[in-house]
Amino acid sequence: MTETQLKKYRREARRLLALTQEERENSEQKVLSKLVKLGVLKDGASLDDVLSLSVRDFLERRLQTIVKRKDMARTMVQSRQLITHGFISVNDQRVSVPSYLVDAKTEGSISYAKKIDIEPPTAPQDEKKAESTSNESKENKPDTNEPGENEKQVE
């Protein structure tokens, strides 16, 4: 589906580039404003920018990807599962389609639709703190490789 959308916009851009400046003015603005609203292009983009778009640009606008990027899910699979089971809402409306294209305005309004009992992924700093804490606790415990009082040391 994403490839189809990309092909559609690129085909329209090529068609508009073949027209004269006067003929394409109105249609060009419609195409560019639609892509800017979607968040695929930056404001002030041209038709040449439409031709340089890739499938990845559209995939980045999918609800599944944005939920993962906002750290609302640990993995893409979990993100997809949360969406299909109705745990994610956009503008306070439950959305159950992972391929839903989120426009730039509504990206900030993505939230959990109902209370969920998962921990957000830990940041790399938190993981280092957890490792250092576990290393400190190991230092305080006696080393099990050293022979005890009742064991003989073999040479």
Protein backbone atom coordinates (compact mmCIF):
# COMPACT_ATOMS: atom_id res chain seq x y z
CA MET A 1 0.00 0.00 0.00
CA THR A 2 2.79 2.41 0.90
CA GLU A 3 4.54 1.76 -2.41
CA THR A 4 1.29 2.51 -4.20
CA GLN A 5 0.97 5.87 -2.45
CA LEU A 6 4.55 6.76 -3.30
CA LYS A 7 4.02 5.82 -6.94
CA LYS A 8 0.86 7.92 -7.08
CA TYR A 9 2.56 11.06 -5.77
CA ARG A 10 5.67 10.60 -7.89
CA ARG A 11 3.55 10.02 -11.02
CA GLU A 12 1.59 13.20 -10.29
CA ALA A 13 4.82 15.16 -9.75
CA ARG A 14 6.22 13.97 -13.09
CA ARG A 15 2.96 14.87 -14.82
CA LEU A 16 3.00 18.35 -13.30
CA LEU A 17 6.63 18.93 -14.23
CA ALA A 18 5.73 18.25 -17.87
CA LEU A 19 3.16 21.08 -17.84
CA THR A 20 3.88 24.78 -18.23
CA GLN A 21 4.24 26.93 -15.11
CA GLU A 22 0.78 28.47 -15.43
CA GLU A 23 -0.95 25.12 -15.94
CA ARG A 24 0.62 23.45 -12.91
CA GLU A 25 0.52 26.20 -10.27
CA ASN A 26 -2.76 25.23 -8.58
CA SER A 27 -2.27 21.46 -8.76
CA GLU A 28 1.33 21.69 -7.58
CA GLN A 29 0.28 23.46 -4.38
CA LYS A 30 -2.40 20.85 -3.69
CA VAL A 31 0.07 17.96 -3.95
CA LEU A 32 2.77 19.70 -1.91
CA SER A 33 0.39 20.85 0.83
CA LYS A 34 -1.05 17.33 1.15
CA LEU A 35 2.45 15.87 1.64
CA VAL A 36 3.45 18.63 4.07
CA LYS A 37 0.27 18.05 6.08
CA LEU A 38 1.05 14.35 6.17
CA GLY A 39 4.53 15.15 7.48
CA VAL A 40 6.40 13.49 4.62
CA LEU A 41 7.79 16.77 3.24
CA LYS A 42 9.03 19.93 4.94
CA ASP A 43 7.33 23.26 4.38
CA GLY A 44 8.67 25.00 1.24
CA ALA A 45 9.39 21.76 -0.64
CA SER A 46 9.25 21.53 -4.43
CA LEU A 47 8.13 18.90 -6.93
CA ASP A 48 11.73 17.72 -7.17
CA ASP A 49 11.52 16.82 -3.48
CA VAL A 50 8.46 14.69 -4.23
CA LEU A 51 10.50 12.74 -6.77
CA SER A 52 13.21 12.07 -4.20
CA LEU A 53 10.79 10.55 -1.65
CA SER A 54 11.25 6.91 -0.71
CA VAL A 55 9.00 4.24 0.74
CA ARG A 56 10.75 4.72 4.07
CA ASP A 57 9.42 8.31 4.27
CA PHE A 58 5.87 6.98 4.18
CA LEU A 59 6.60 4.06 6.52
CA GLU A 60 7.84 6.55 9.13
CA ARG A 61 4.33 8.10 9.20
CA ARG A 62 2.54 4.84 10.06
CA LEU A 63 0.94 4.60 13.50
CA GLN A 64 2.87 1.40 14.23
CA THR A 65 6.20 3.15 13.66
CA ILE A 66 5.30 6.27 15.62
CA VAL A 67 4.09 4.26 18.65
CA LYS A 68 7.45 2.46 18.71
CA ARG A 69 9.41 5.69 18.19
CA LYS A 70 7.52 7.37 21.07
CA ASP A 71 8.57 4.45 23.33
CA MET A 72 5.00 3.39 23.95
CA ALA A 73 6.01 -0.15 22.94
CA ARG A 74 9.25 -2.07 23.23
CA THR A 75 9.22 -3.58 19.74
CA MET A 76 7.46 -3.11 16.43
CA VAL A 77 5.59 -6.37 16.99
CA GLN A 78 4.38 -5.16 20.37
CA SER A 79 3.43 -1.83 18.81
CA ARG A 80 1.34 -3.60 16.20
CA GLN A 81 -0.28 -5.77 18.84
CA LEU A 82 -1.17 -2.81 21.07
CA ILE A 83 -2.81 -1.06 18.12
CA THR A 84 -4.81 -4.04 16.89
CA HIS A 85 -6.07 -4.82 20.41
CA GLY A 86 -7.32 -1.26 20.86
CA PHE A 87 -4.82 0.09 23.38
CA ILE A 88 -3.77 3.10 21.24
CA SER A 89 -5.81 6.20 20.44
CA VAL A 90 -5.26 9.19 18.17
CA ASN A 91 -7.14 12.37 19.12
CA ASP A 92 -8.99 10.35 21.78
CA GLN A 93 -10.33 8.03 19.07
CA ARG A 94 -9.33 4.39 19.31
CA VAL A 95 -7.47 3.29 16.16
CA SER A 96 -6.97 -0.41 15.47
CA VAL A 97 -5.18 -0.19 12.11
CA PRO A 98 -1.35 -0.26 12.37
CA SER A 99 -0.98 1.16 8.85
CA TYR A 100 -2.99 4.28 9.74
CA LEU A 101 -1.05 7.29 8.40
CA VAL A 102 -0.61 9.88 11.13
CA ASP A 103 -0.36 13.46 9.93
CA ALA A 104 2.06 15.90 11.52
CA LYS A 105 -0.60 17.73 13.57
CA THR A 106 -2.02 14.65 15.27
CA GLU A 107 1.32 12.98 16.07
CA GLY A 108 1.37 14.63 19.49
CA SER A 109 -2.10 13.35 20.38
CA ILE A 110 -1.22 9.65 20.27
CA SER A 111 -1.82 8.05 23.66
CA TYR A 112 -2.97 4.88 25.37
CA ALA A 113 -6.73 4.42 24.97
CA LYS A 114 -7.01 2.38 28.14
CA LYS A 115 -4.79 1.60 31.07
CA ILE A 116 -2.07 -0.85 30.20
CA ASP A 117 0.26 -2.79 32.43
CA ILE A 118 3.58 -2.71 30.59
CA GLU A 119 6.80 -0.99 31.54
CA PRO A 120 8.26 1.41 29.01
CA PRO A 121 11.61 0.37 27.57
CA THR A 122 14.56 1.37 29.71
CA ALA A 123 16.92 4.03 28.45
CA PRO A 124 20.57 3.06 27.90
CA GLN A 125 21.55 5.11 30.99
CA ASP A 126 19.15 3.15 33.16
CA GLU A 127 20.59 -0.14 31.91
CA LYS A 128 24.12 0.99 32.86
CA LYS A 129 22.91 1.98 36.33
CA ALA A 130 21.26 -1.42 36.75
CA GLU A 131 24.46 -3.19 35.67
CA SER A 132 26.64 -1.17 38.04
CA THR A 133 24.24 -1.88 40.90
CA SER A 134 24.32 -5.60 40.20
CA ASN A 135 28.14 -5.52 39.92
CA GLU A 136 28.39 -3.76 43.30
CA SER A 137 26.19 -6.39 44.93
CA LYS A 138 28.41 -9.13 43.47
CA GLU A 139 31.49 -7.47 44.98
CA ASN A 140 29.90 -7.57 48.43
CA LYS A 141 29.18 -11.31 48.19
CA PRO A 142 31.97 -13.82 48.86
CA ASP A 143 33.52 -15.27 45.70
CA THR A 144 32.38 -18.84 45.21
CA ASN A 145 35.59 -19.73 43.33
CA GLU A 146 37.77 -19.35 46.48
CA PRO A 147 38.03 -22.45 48.64
CA GLY A 148 36.07 -22.35 51.88
CA GLU A 149 37.37 -23.16 55.37
CA ASN A 150 36.63 -26.87 55.06
CA GLU A 151 37.90 -27.27 51.48
CA LYS A 152 41.43 -28.12 50.49
CA GLN A 153 43.22 -26.09 47.85
CA VAL A 154 44.49 -28.33 45.02
CA GLU A 155 47.73 -27.29 43.30
